[in-house]
Amino acid sequence: MSSEKVISYRCPKSDAVVEHRVDNGGETRQTYQPVVCRACGELHFVHRDTGKLLGHDKD
């Protein structure tokens, strides 16, 4: 049985803090989760555990 968790990240375009629900279980879980940003509408890849964006050094 899998559960959900909430990850938070800072949108690099709008600088807004955004929360997104992701599936927390399963063997095929990826380190970076593709998400459509609610602040800017673009696709970001967010680290499931840290909330850091792929390719961005800024928190």
PDB file of N, CA and C in Angstrom:
ATOM      1  N   MET A   1       0.845  -1.181   0.000  1.00  0.00           N
ATOM      2  CA  MET A   1       0.000   0.000   0.000  1.00  0.00           C
ATOM      3  C   MET A   1       0.887   1.239   0.000  1.00  0.00           C
ATOM      4  N   SER A   2       0.659   2.130  -0.942  1.00  0.00           N
ATOM      5  CA  SER A   2       1.467   3.334  -1.009  1.00  0.00           C
ATOM      6  C   SER A   2       0.709   4.506  -0.391  1.00  0.00           C
ATOM      7  N   SER A   3       1.458   5.489   0.031  1.00  0.00           N
ATOM      8  CA  SER A   3       0.862   6.680   0.611  1.00  0.00           C
ATOM      9  C   SER A   3       1.397   7.902  -0.123  1.00  0.00           C
ATOM     10  N   GLU A   4       0.837   9.030   0.176  1.00  0.00           N
ATOM     11  CA  GLU A   4       1.290  10.257  -0.447  1.00  0.00           C
ATOM     12  C   GLU A   4       2.060  11.094   0.561  1.00  0.00           C
ATOM     13  N   LYS A   5       2.943  11.923   0.023  1.00  0.00           N
ATOM     14  CA  LYS A   5       3.613  12.899   0.865  1.00  0.00           C
ATOM     15  C   LYS A   5       3.637  14.216   0.108  1.00  0.00           C
ATOM     16  N   VAL A   6       3.866  15.288   0.813  1.00  0.00           N
ATOM     17  CA  VAL A   6       3.906  16.616   0.214  1.00  0.00           C
ATOM     18  C   VAL A   6       5.357  17.064   0.131  1.00  0.00           C
ATOM     19  N   ILE A   7       5.760  17.504  -1.056  1.00  0.00           N
ATOM     20  CA  ILE A   7       7.086  18.084  -1.206  1.00  0.00           C
ATOM     21  C   ILE A   7       6.914  19.576  -1.487  1.00  0.00           C
ATOM     22  N   SER A   8       7.823  20.367  -0.960  1.00  0.00           N
ATOM     23  CA  SER A   8       7.803  21.812  -1.167  1.00  0.00           C
ATOM     24  C   SER A   8       9.055  22.208  -1.917  1.00  0.00           C
ATOM     25  N   TYR A   9       8.901  23.154  -2.831  1.00  0.00           N
ATOM     26  CA  TYR A   9      10.048  23.665  -3.579  1.00  0.00           C
ATOM     27  C   TYR A   9       9.805  25.129  -3.899  1.00  0.00           C
ATOM     28  N   ARG A  10      10.868  25.826  -4.261  1.00  0.00           N
ATOM     29  CA  ARG A  10      10.753  27.225  -4.653  1.00  0.00           C
ATOM     30  C   ARG A  10      10.828  27.310  -6.166  1.00  0.00           C
ATOM     31  N   CYS A  11       9.797  27.867  -6.785  1.00  0.00           N
ATOM     32  CA  CYS A  11       9.744  28.018  -8.230  1.00  0.00           C
ATOM     33  C   CYS A  11      10.836  28.995  -8.674  1.00  0.00           C
ATOM     34  N   PRO A  12      11.700  28.578  -9.611  1.00  0.00           N
ATOM     35  CA  PRO A  12      12.781  29.462 -10.039  1.00  0.00           C
ATOM     36  C   PRO A  12      12.302  30.649 -10.886  1.00  0.00           C
ATOM     37  N   LYS A  13      11.121  30.545 -11.445  1.00  0.00           N
ATOM     38  CA  LYS A  13      10.607  31.622 -12.296  1.00  0.00           C
ATOM     39  C   LYS A  13       9.856  32.677 -11.482  1.00  0.00           C
ATOM     40  N   SER A  14       8.982  32.237 -10.562  1.00  0.00           N
ATOM     41  CA  SER A  14       8.157  33.168  -9.794  1.00  0.00           C
ATOM     42  C   SER A  14       8.685  33.405  -8.383  1.00  0.00           C
ATOM     43  N   ASP A  15       9.613  32.575  -7.927  1.00  0.00           N
ATOM     44  CA  ASP A  15      10.195  32.621  -6.577  1.00  0.00           C
ATOM     45  C   ASP A  15       9.167  32.274  -5.495  1.00  0.00           C
ATOM     46  N   ALA A  16       8.033  31.705  -5.878  1.00  0.00           N
ATOM     47  CA  ALA A  16       7.004  31.298  -4.925  1.00  0.00           C
ATOM     48  C   ALA A  16       7.330  29.913  -4.364  1.00  0.00           C
ATOM     49  N   VAL A  17       6.956  29.675  -3.114  1.00  0.00           N
ATOM     50  CA  VAL A  17       7.076  28.348  -2.525  1.00  0.00           C
ATOM     51  C   VAL A  17       5.830  27.568  -2.919  1.00  0.00           C
ATOM     52  N   VAL A  18       6.033  26.385  -3.513  1.00  0.00           N
ATOM     53  CA  VAL A  18       4.945  25.583  -4.049  1.00  0.00           C
ATOM     54  C   VAL A  18       4.958  24.216  -3.378  1.00  0.00           C
ATOM     55  N   GLU A  19       3.782  23.710  -3.052  1.00  0.00           N
ATOM     56  CA  GLU A  19       3.657  22.363  -2.500  1.00  0.00           C
ATOM     57  C   GLU A  19       3.018  21.457  -3.540  1.00  0.00           C
ATOM     58  N   HIS A  20       3.478  20.194  -3.572  1.00  0.00           N
ATOM     59  CA  HIS A  20       2.966  19.221  -4.533  1.00  0.00           C
ATOM     60  C   HIS A  20       2.906  17.853  -3.866  1.00  0.00           C
ATOM     61  N   ARG A  21       1.817  17.133  -4.065  1.00  0.00           N
ATOM     62  CA  ARG A  21       1.675  15.777  -3.508  1.00  0.00           C
ATOM     63  C   ARG A  21       2.288  14.758  -4.463  1.00  0.00           C
ATOM     64  N   VAL A  22       3.049  13.809  -3.910  1.00  0.00           N
ATOM     65  CA  VAL A  22       3.642  12.738  -4.708  1.00  0.00           C
ATOM     66  C   VAL A  22       3.380  11.401  -4.032  1.00  0.00           C
ATOM     67  N   ASP A  23       3.366  10.355  -4.829  1.00  0.00           N
ATOM     68  CA  ASP A  23       3.226   8.999  -4.317  1.00  0.00           C
ATOM     69  C   ASP A  23       4.507   8.647  -3.575  1.00  0.00           C
ATOM     70  N   ASN A  24       4.391   8.132  -2.375  1.00  0.00           N
ATOM     71  CA  ASN A  24       5.548   7.874  -1.522  1.00  0.00           C
ATOM     72  C   ASN A  24       5.990   6.416  -1.544  1.00  0.00           C
ATOM     73  N   GLY A  25       5.398   5.568  -2.367  1.00  0.00           N
ATOM     74  CA  GLY A  25       5.747   4.158  -2.324  1.00  0.00           C
ATOM     75  C   GLY A  25       6.103   3.604  -3.682  1.00  0.00           C
ATOM     76  N   GLY A  26       6.380   2.314  -3.687  1.00  0.00           N
ATOM     77  CA  GLY A  26       6.641   1.625  -4.940  1.00  0.00           C
ATOM     78  C   GLY A  26       8.112   1.454  -5.244  1.00  0.00           C
ATOM     79  N   GLU A  27       8.408   0.395  -5.959  1.00  0.00           N
ATOM     80  CA  GLU A  27       9.784   0.068  -6.332  1.00  0.00           C
ATOM     81  C   GLU A  27      10.321   1.000  -7.408  1.00  0.00           C
ATOM     82  N   THR A  28       9.439   1.569  -8.225  1.00  0.00           N
ATOM     83  CA  THR A  28       9.887   2.360  -9.369  1.00  0.00           C
ATOM     84  C   THR A  28       9.967   3.851  -9.076  1.00  0.00           C
ATOM     85  N   ARG A  29       9.923   4.212  -7.840  1.00  0.00           N
ATOM     86  CA  ARG A  29       9.945   5.643  -7.519  1.00  0.00           C
ATOM     87  C   ARG A  29      11.244   6.273  -7.988  1.00  0.00           C
ATOM     88  N   GLN A  30      11.148   7.422  -8.591  1.00  0.00           N
ATOM     89  CA  GLN A  30      12.300   8.132  -9.116  1.00  0.00           C
ATOM     90  C   GLN A  30      12.771   9.161  -8.098  1.00  0.00           C
ATOM     91  N   THR A  31      14.072   9.471  -8.130  1.00  0.00           N
ATOM     92  CA  THR A  31      14.604  10.462  -7.215  1.00  0.00           C
ATOM     93  C   THR A  31      14.016  11.835  -7.498  1.00  0.00           C
ATOM     94  N   TYR A  32      13.955  12.214  -8.772  1.00  0.00           N
ATOM     95  CA  TYR A  32      13.356  13.494  -9.152  1.00  0.00           C
ATOM     96  C   TYR A  32      11.975  13.252  -9.734  1.00  0.00           C
ATOM     97  N   GLN A  33      11.008  13.996  -9.222  1.00  0.00           N
ATOM     98  CA  GLN A  33       9.612  13.862  -9.624  1.00  0.00           C
ATOM     99  C   GLN A  33       9.275  14.985 -10.601  1.00  0.00           C
ATOM    100  N   PRO A  34       8.796  14.672 -11.811  1.00  0.00           N
ATOM    101  CA  PRO A  34       8.360  15.745 -12.697  1.00  0.00           C
ATOM    102  C   PRO A  34       7.029  16.316 -12.202  1.00  0.00           C
ATOM    103  N   VAL A  35       6.957  17.629 -12.068  1.00  0.00           N
ATOM    104  CA  VAL A  35       5.730  18.276 -11.605  1.00  0.00           C
ATOM    105  C   VAL A  35       5.435  19.500 -12.471  1.00  0.00           C
ATOM    106  N   VAL A  36       4.171  19.747 -12.701  1.00  0.00           N
ATOM    107  CA  VAL A  36       3.753  20.980 -13.360  1.00  0.00           C
ATOM    108  C   VAL A  36       3.550  22.003 -12.248  1.00  0.00           C
ATOM    109  N   CYS A  37       4.312  23.064 -12.301  1.00  0.00           N
ATOM    110  CA  CYS A  37       4.323  24.079 -11.248  1.00  0.00           C
ATOM    111  C   CYS A  37       3.009  24.847 -11.218  1.00  0.00           C
ATOM    112  N   ARG A  38       2.429  24.970 -10.035  1.00  0.00           N
ATOM    113  CA  ARG A  38       1.175  25.718  -9.876  1.00  0.00           C
ATOM    114  C   ARG A  38       1.411  27.222  -9.923  1.00  0.00           C
ATOM    115  N   ALA A  39       2.651  27.652  -9.733  1.00  0.00           N
ATOM    116  CA  ALA A  39       2.945  29.087  -9.737  1.00  0.00           C
ATOM    117  C   ALA A  39       3.187  29.625 -11.148  1.00  0.00           C
ATOM    118  N   CYS A  40       3.914  28.851 -11.993  1.00  0.00           N
ATOM    119  CA  CYS A  40       4.272  29.370 -13.316  1.00  0.00           C
ATOM    120  C   CYS A  40       3.757  28.512 -14.470  1.00  0.00           C
ATOM    121  N   GLY A  41       3.294  27.297 -14.183  1.00  0.00           N
ATOM    122  CA  GLY A  41       2.753  26.428 -15.220  1.00  0.00           C
ATOM    123  C   GLY A  41       3.790  25.630 -15.995  1.00  0.00           C
ATOM    124  N   GLU A  42       5.068  25.797 -15.652  1.00  0.00           N
ATOM    125  CA  GLU A  42       6.124  25.061 -16.342  1.00  0.00           C
ATOM    126  C   GLU A  42       6.413  23.737 -15.646  1.00  0.00           C
ATOM    127  N   LEU A  43       7.127  22.865 -16.343  1.00  0.00           N
ATOM    128  CA  LEU A  43       7.515  21.569 -15.792  1.00  0.00           C
ATOM    129  C   LEU A  43       8.831  21.721 -15.047  1.00  0.00           C
ATOM    130  N   HIS A  44       8.868  21.239 -13.797  1.00  0.00           N
ATOM    131  CA  HIS A  44      10.085  21.223 -12.993  1.00  0.00           C
ATOM    132  C   HIS A  44      10.333  19.791 -12.548  1.00  0.00           C
ATOM    133  N   PHE A  45      11.588  19.461 -12.292  1.00  0.00           N
ATOM    134  CA  PHE A  45      11.940  18.170 -11.728  1.00  0.00           C
ATOM    135  C   PHE A  45      12.407  18.421 -10.303  1.00  0.00           C
ATOM    136  N   VAL A  46      11.632  17.926  -9.334  1.00  0.00           N
ATOM    137  CA  VAL A  46      11.850  18.209  -7.926  1.00  0.00           C
ATOM    138  C   VAL A  46      12.327  16.940  -7.216  1.00  0.00           C
ATOM    139  N   HIS A  47      13.395  17.053  -6.422  1.00  0.00           N
ATOM    140  CA  HIS A  47      13.902  15.920  -5.649  1.00  0.00           C
ATOM    141  C   HIS A  47      12.869  15.535  -4.614  1.00  0.00           C
ATOM    142  N   ARG A  48      12.513  14.269  -4.582  1.00  0.00           N
ATOM    143  CA  ARG A  48      11.436  13.778  -3.716  1.00  0.00           C
ATOM    144  C   ARG A  48      11.713  13.964  -2.232  1.00  0.00           C
ATOM    145  N   ASP A  49      12.973  13.948  -1.828  1.00  0.00           N
ATOM    146  CA  ASP A  49      13.299  14.024  -0.402  1.00  0.00           C
ATOM    147  C   ASP A  49      13.731  15.415   0.045  1.00  0.00           C
ATOM    148  N   THR A  50      14.402  16.174  -0.825  1.00  0.00           N
ATOM    149  CA  THR A  50      14.945  17.475  -0.416  1.00  0.00           C
ATOM    150  C   THR A  50      14.149  18.667  -0.910  1.00  0.00           C
ATOM    151  N   GLY A  51      13.360  18.491  -1.982  1.00  0.00           N
ATOM    152  CA  GLY A  51      12.626  19.598  -2.565  1.00  0.00           C
ATOM    153  C   GLY A  51      13.469  20.487  -3.462  1.00  0.00           C
ATOM    154  N   LYS A  52      14.718  20.085  -3.707  1.00  0.00           N
ATOM    155  CA  LYS A  52      15.583  20.874  -4.589  1.00  0.00           C
ATOM    156  C   LYS A  52      15.259  20.569  -6.041  1.00  0.00           C
ATOM    157  N   LEU A  53      15.406  21.576  -6.883  1.00  0.00           N
ATOM    158  CA  LEU A  53      15.120  21.429  -8.301  1.00  0.00           C
ATOM    159  C   LEU A  53      16.351  20.955  -9.057  1.00  0.00           C
ATOM    160  N   LEU A  54      16.135  20.083 -10.001  1.00  0.00           N
ATOM    161  CA  LEU A  54      17.206  19.571 -10.844  1.00  0.00           C
ATOM    162  C   LEU A  54      17.795  20.720 -11.660  1.00  0.00           C
ATOM    163  N   GLY A  55      19.116  20.908 -11.564  1.00  0.00           N
ATOM    164  CA  GLY A  55      19.791  21.945 -12.338  1.00  0.00           C
ATOM    165  C   GLY A  55      19.788  23.319 -11.707  1.00  0.00           C
ATOM    166  N   HIS A  56      19.254  23.448 -10.495  1.00  0.00           N
ATOM    167  CA  HIS A  56      19.215  24.746  -9.814  1.00  0.00           C
ATOM    168  C   HIS A  56      19.919  24.641  -8.469  1.00  0.00           C
ATOM    169  N   ASP A  57      20.888  25.527  -8.263  1.00  0.00           N
ATOM    170  CA  ASP A  57      21.614  25.531  -6.993  1.00  0.00           C
ATOM    171  C   ASP A  57      20.877  26.296  -5.905  1.00  0.00           C
ATOM    172  N   LYS A  58      20.033  27.255  -6.312  1.00  0.00           N
ATOM    173  CA  LYS A  58      19.286  28.071  -5.348  1.00  0.00           C
ATOM    174  C   LYS A  58      18.204  27.234  -4.682  1.00  0.00           C
ATOM    175  N   ASP A  59      18.052  27.368  -3.354  1.00  0.00           N
ATOM    176  CA  ASP A  59      17.017  26.634  -2.615  1.00  0.00           C
ATOM    177  C   ASP A  59      15.633  27.131  -2.948  1.00  0.00           C
TER     178      ASP A  59
END
